[in-house]
Amino acid sequence: MSIEGLLDKTTATLDEIRVRVGNALQRHPMCRQVQFDIVSVPRTARGGNWTISLHALEPAAVWEASDIVADIQAAYDLSSASA
């Protein structure tokens, strides 16, 4: 297996990404009250084609949620059918 194969992102629909983000945030005690919106965007220079808007009551929760979402963004690419 080549290194490129390991670095490829998994394609997912907006709904699949929304579920993954929601489940990940629910697993972290500080992030359970975080609300979010996921939006399809034109592909960026870093290769991403979706972004997220986070809304939290606790400032510390935003930092934790940002780290969680960054990991998910590194792994998933929005499928062209959803874009």
N, C-alpha and C. Protein backbone atom coordinates (compact mmCIF):
# COMPACT_ATOMS: atom_id res chain seq x y z
N MET A 1 0.85 -1.19 0.00
CA MET A 1 0.00 0.00 0.00
C MET A 1 0.88 1.24 0.00
N SER A 2 0.57 2.18 -0.83
CA SER A 2 1.37 3.40 -0.93
C SER A 2 0.98 4.39 0.16
N ILE A 3 1.84 5.35 0.40
CA ILE A 3 1.57 6.39 1.39
C ILE A 3 0.38 7.25 0.99
N GLU A 4 0.19 7.44 -0.34
CA GLU A 4 -0.95 8.22 -0.79
C GLU A 4 -2.27 7.56 -0.39
N GLY A 5 -2.30 6.24 -0.42
CA GLY A 5 -3.51 5.52 -0.04
C GLY A 5 -3.85 5.71 1.43
N LEU A 6 -2.83 5.89 2.25
CA LEU A 6 -3.07 6.11 3.67
C LEU A 6 -3.52 7.52 3.97
N LEU A 7 -3.17 8.47 3.11
CA LEU A 7 -3.50 9.87 3.35
C LEU A 7 -4.83 10.29 2.72
N ASP A 8 -5.43 9.43 1.92
CA ASP A 8 -6.70 9.76 1.30
C ASP A 8 -7.79 9.94 2.36
N LYS A 9 -8.64 10.91 2.11
CA LYS A 9 -9.78 11.13 3.00
C LYS A 9 -10.93 10.24 2.58
N THR A 10 -11.73 9.84 3.53
CA THR A 10 -12.93 9.08 3.27
C THR A 10 -14.02 10.05 2.84
N THR A 11 -14.73 9.74 1.77
CA THR A 11 -15.83 10.61 1.36
C THR A 11 -17.07 10.31 2.19
N ALA A 12 -17.82 11.35 2.47
CA ALA A 12 -19.03 11.22 3.28
C ALA A 12 -20.01 12.31 2.88
N THR A 13 -21.28 12.08 3.11
CA THR A 13 -22.31 13.09 2.84
C THR A 13 -22.36 14.07 4.01
N LEU A 14 -23.06 15.19 3.81
CA LEU A 14 -23.23 16.16 4.90
C LEU A 14 -23.87 15.50 6.11
N ASP A 15 -24.87 14.65 5.88
CA ASP A 15 -25.54 13.98 6.99
C ASP A 15 -24.59 13.05 7.73
N GLU A 16 -23.76 12.31 7.00
CA GLU A 16 -22.80 11.41 7.64
C GLU A 16 -21.78 12.19 8.47
N ILE A 17 -21.30 13.30 7.94
CA ILE A 17 -20.36 14.13 8.69
C ILE A 17 -21.04 14.72 9.92
N ARG A 18 -22.27 15.17 9.77
CA ARG A 18 -23.03 15.74 10.88
C ARG A 18 -23.18 14.71 12.01
N VAL A 19 -23.47 13.47 11.65
CA VAL A 19 -23.62 12.41 12.66
C VAL A 19 -22.27 12.14 13.35
N ARG A 20 -21.21 12.06 12.57
CA ARG A 20 -19.88 11.79 13.14
C ARG A 20 -19.45 12.90 14.09
N VAL A 21 -19.65 14.16 13.69
CA VAL A 21 -19.29 15.28 14.55
C VAL A 21 -20.15 15.26 15.82
N GLY A 22 -21.45 15.07 15.66
CA GLY A 22 -22.34 15.03 16.82
C GLY A 22 -21.96 13.94 17.80
N ASN A 23 -21.67 12.75 17.29
CA ASN A 23 -21.28 11.64 18.17
C ASN A 23 -19.95 11.93 18.87
N ALA A 24 -19.00 12.50 18.14
CA ALA A 24 -17.70 12.82 18.74
C ALA A 24 -17.84 13.87 19.84
N LEU A 25 -18.65 14.89 19.60
CA LEU A 25 -18.85 15.93 20.61
C LEU A 25 -19.58 15.38 21.83
N GLN A 26 -20.51 14.48 21.64
CA GLN A 26 -21.25 13.90 22.75
C GLN A 26 -20.36 13.06 23.66
N ARG A 27 -19.28 12.51 23.13
CA ARG A 27 -18.38 11.68 23.94
C ARG A 27 -17.52 12.50 24.89
N HIS A 28 -17.38 13.80 24.63
CA HIS A 28 -16.55 14.65 25.48
C HIS A 28 -17.45 15.43 26.43
N PRO A 29 -17.23 15.30 27.75
CA PRO A 29 -18.13 15.96 28.72
C PRO A 29 -18.27 17.47 28.53
N MET A 30 -17.20 18.16 28.14
CA MET A 30 -17.29 19.61 27.98
C MET A 30 -18.04 20.01 26.72
N CYS A 31 -18.16 19.11 25.77
CA CYS A 31 -18.70 19.47 24.45
C CYS A 31 -20.14 19.02 24.24
N ARG A 32 -20.77 18.48 25.24
CA ARG A 32 -22.12 17.95 25.05
C ARG A 32 -23.16 19.02 24.77
N GLN A 33 -22.91 20.25 25.18
CA GLN A 33 -23.86 21.34 24.94
C GLN A 33 -23.50 22.17 23.70
N VAL A 34 -22.44 21.80 23.01
CA VAL A 34 -21.99 22.55 21.83
C VAL A 34 -22.96 22.31 20.68
N GLN A 35 -23.40 23.38 20.06
CA GLN A 35 -24.24 23.29 18.87
C GLN A 35 -23.36 23.61 17.67
N PHE A 36 -23.70 23.02 16.52
CA PHE A 36 -22.86 23.23 15.34
C PHE A 36 -23.68 23.18 14.07
N ASP A 37 -23.14 23.81 13.04
CA ASP A 37 -23.69 23.77 11.69
C ASP A 37 -22.56 23.38 10.76
N ILE A 38 -22.82 22.49 9.82
CA ILE A 38 -21.83 22.07 8.83
C ILE A 38 -22.25 22.61 7.47
N VAL A 39 -21.29 23.19 6.75
CA VAL A 39 -21.58 23.84 5.48
C VAL A 39 -20.59 23.37 4.42
N SER A 40 -21.11 23.10 3.24
CA SER A 40 -20.27 22.77 2.09
C SER A 40 -19.64 24.07 1.57
N VAL A 41 -18.34 24.03 1.29
CA VAL A 41 -17.63 25.20 0.78
C VAL A 41 -16.78 24.79 -0.42
N PRO A 42 -16.34 25.75 -1.24
CA PRO A 42 -15.42 25.39 -2.32
C PRO A 42 -14.13 24.81 -1.73
N ARG A 43 -13.50 23.91 -2.46
CA ARG A 43 -12.28 23.27 -1.96
C ARG A 43 -11.21 24.31 -1.65
N THR A 44 -10.60 24.16 -0.48
CA THR A 44 -9.56 25.08 -0.03
C THR A 44 -8.19 24.59 -0.49
N ALA A 45 -7.18 25.40 -0.28
CA ALA A 45 -5.81 25.03 -0.65
C ALA A 45 -5.34 23.80 0.13
N ARG A 46 -5.86 23.62 1.34
CA ARG A 46 -5.49 22.45 2.15
C ARG A 46 -6.33 21.23 1.81
N GLY A 47 -7.25 21.35 0.88
CA GLY A 47 -8.00 20.21 0.41
C GLY A 47 -9.38 20.02 1.03
N GLY A 48 -9.75 20.83 2.01
CA GLY A 48 -11.06 20.67 2.64
C GLY A 48 -12.16 21.24 1.79
N ASN A 49 -13.36 20.64 1.89
CA ASN A 49 -14.50 21.18 1.15
C ASN A 49 -15.73 21.29 2.02
N TRP A 50 -15.53 21.31 3.35
CA TRP A 50 -16.63 21.59 4.26
C TRP A 50 -16.05 22.30 5.48
N THR A 51 -16.90 23.07 6.13
CA THR A 51 -16.48 23.79 7.32
C THR A 51 -17.58 23.67 8.37
N ILE A 52 -17.25 24.10 9.57
CA ILE A 52 -18.20 23.97 10.67
C ILE A 52 -18.24 25.27 11.46
N SER A 53 -19.41 25.60 11.96
CA SER A 53 -19.59 26.74 12.84
C SER A 53 -19.98 26.18 14.20
N LEU A 54 -19.20 26.52 15.23
CA LEU A 54 -19.45 26.00 16.58
C LEU A 54 -20.06 27.09 17.46
N HIS A 55 -21.01 26.70 18.29
CA HIS A 55 -21.65 27.61 19.24
C HIS A 55 -21.63 26.92 20.60
N ALA A 56 -20.99 27.56 21.59
CA ALA A 56 -20.88 26.95 22.92
C ALA A 56 -21.08 28.01 23.99
N LEU A 57 -21.59 27.57 25.14
CA LEU A 57 -21.76 28.47 26.27
C LEU A 57 -20.45 28.65 27.03
N GLU A 58 -19.66 27.60 27.10
CA GLU A 58 -18.38 27.65 27.80
C GLU A 58 -17.24 27.87 26.81
N PRO A 59 -16.42 28.91 27.02
CA PRO A 59 -15.31 29.15 26.09
C PRO A 59 -14.36 27.95 25.97
N ALA A 60 -14.11 27.26 27.05
CA ALA A 60 -13.20 26.10 27.00
C ALA A 60 -13.76 25.00 26.11
N ALA A 61 -15.07 24.90 26.04
CA ALA A 61 -15.69 23.87 25.21
C ALA A 61 -15.42 24.12 23.74
N VAL A 62 -15.33 25.38 23.33
CA VAL A 62 -15.06 25.70 21.93
C VAL A 62 -13.68 25.18 21.54
N TRP A 63 -12.69 25.34 22.43
CA TRP A 63 -11.34 24.86 22.13
C TRP A 63 -11.31 23.35 21.99
N GLU A 64 -11.97 22.66 22.91
CA GLU A 64 -12.01 21.19 22.85
C GLU A 64 -12.74 20.73 21.60
N ALA A 65 -13.88 21.36 21.30
CA ALA A 65 -14.66 20.99 20.12
C ALA A 65 -13.87 21.26 18.85
N SER A 66 -13.11 22.34 18.81
CA SER A 66 -12.29 22.65 17.63
C SER A 66 -11.26 21.55 17.37
N ASP A 67 -10.65 21.05 18.42
CA ASP A 67 -9.68 19.96 18.27
C ASP A 67 -10.35 18.70 17.73
N ILE A 68 -11.52 18.39 18.26
CA ILE A 68 -12.26 17.20 17.81
C ILE A 68 -12.63 17.34 16.33
N VAL A 69 -13.15 18.49 15.96
CA VAL A 69 -13.58 18.73 14.58
C VAL A 69 -12.38 18.72 13.63
N ALA A 70 -11.24 19.25 14.05
CA ALA A 70 -10.04 19.26 13.21
C ALA A 70 -9.63 17.84 12.83
N ASP A 71 -9.74 16.92 13.79
CA ASP A 71 -9.41 15.52 13.50
C ASP A 71 -10.39 14.93 12.48
N ILE A 72 -11.66 15.26 12.61
CA ILE A 72 -12.66 14.75 11.68
C ILE A 72 -12.46 15.37 10.29
N GLN A 73 -12.14 16.66 10.24
CA GLN A 73 -11.90 17.31 8.95
C GLN A 73 -10.68 16.72 8.24
N ALA A 74 -9.72 16.27 9.00
CA ALA A 74 -8.53 15.67 8.40
C ALA A 74 -8.85 14.30 7.80
N ALA A 75 -9.91 13.67 8.27
CA ALA A 75 -10.22 12.31 7.83
C ALA A 75 -11.33 12.23 6.78
N TYR A 76 -12.21 13.22 6.70
CA TYR A 76 -13.38 13.12 5.83
C TYR A 76 -13.46 14.24 4.82
N ASP A 77 -13.86 13.86 3.62
CA ASP A 77 -14.06 14.78 2.52
C ASP A 77 -15.53 14.70 2.12
N LEU A 78 -16.15 15.83 1.87
CA LEU A 78 -17.55 15.85 1.47
C LEU A 78 -17.70 15.24 0.09
N SER A 79 -18.59 14.28 -0.05
CA SER A 79 -18.78 13.64 -1.35
C SER A 79 -19.36 14.63 -2.35
N SER A 80 -19.06 14.43 -3.61
CA SER A 80 -19.50 15.38 -4.65
C SER A 80 -21.02 15.41 -4.77
N ALA A 81 -21.70 14.35 -4.39
CA ALA A 81 -23.16 14.32 -4.45
C ALA A 81 -23.76 15.27 -3.43
N SER A 82 -23.04 15.54 -2.33
CA SER A 82 -23.54 16.43 -1.29
C SER A 82 -23.16 17.88 -1.52
N ALA A 83 -22.11 18.09 -2.25
CA ALA A 83 -21.57 19.46 -2.43
C ALA A 83 -22.45 20.32 -3.28
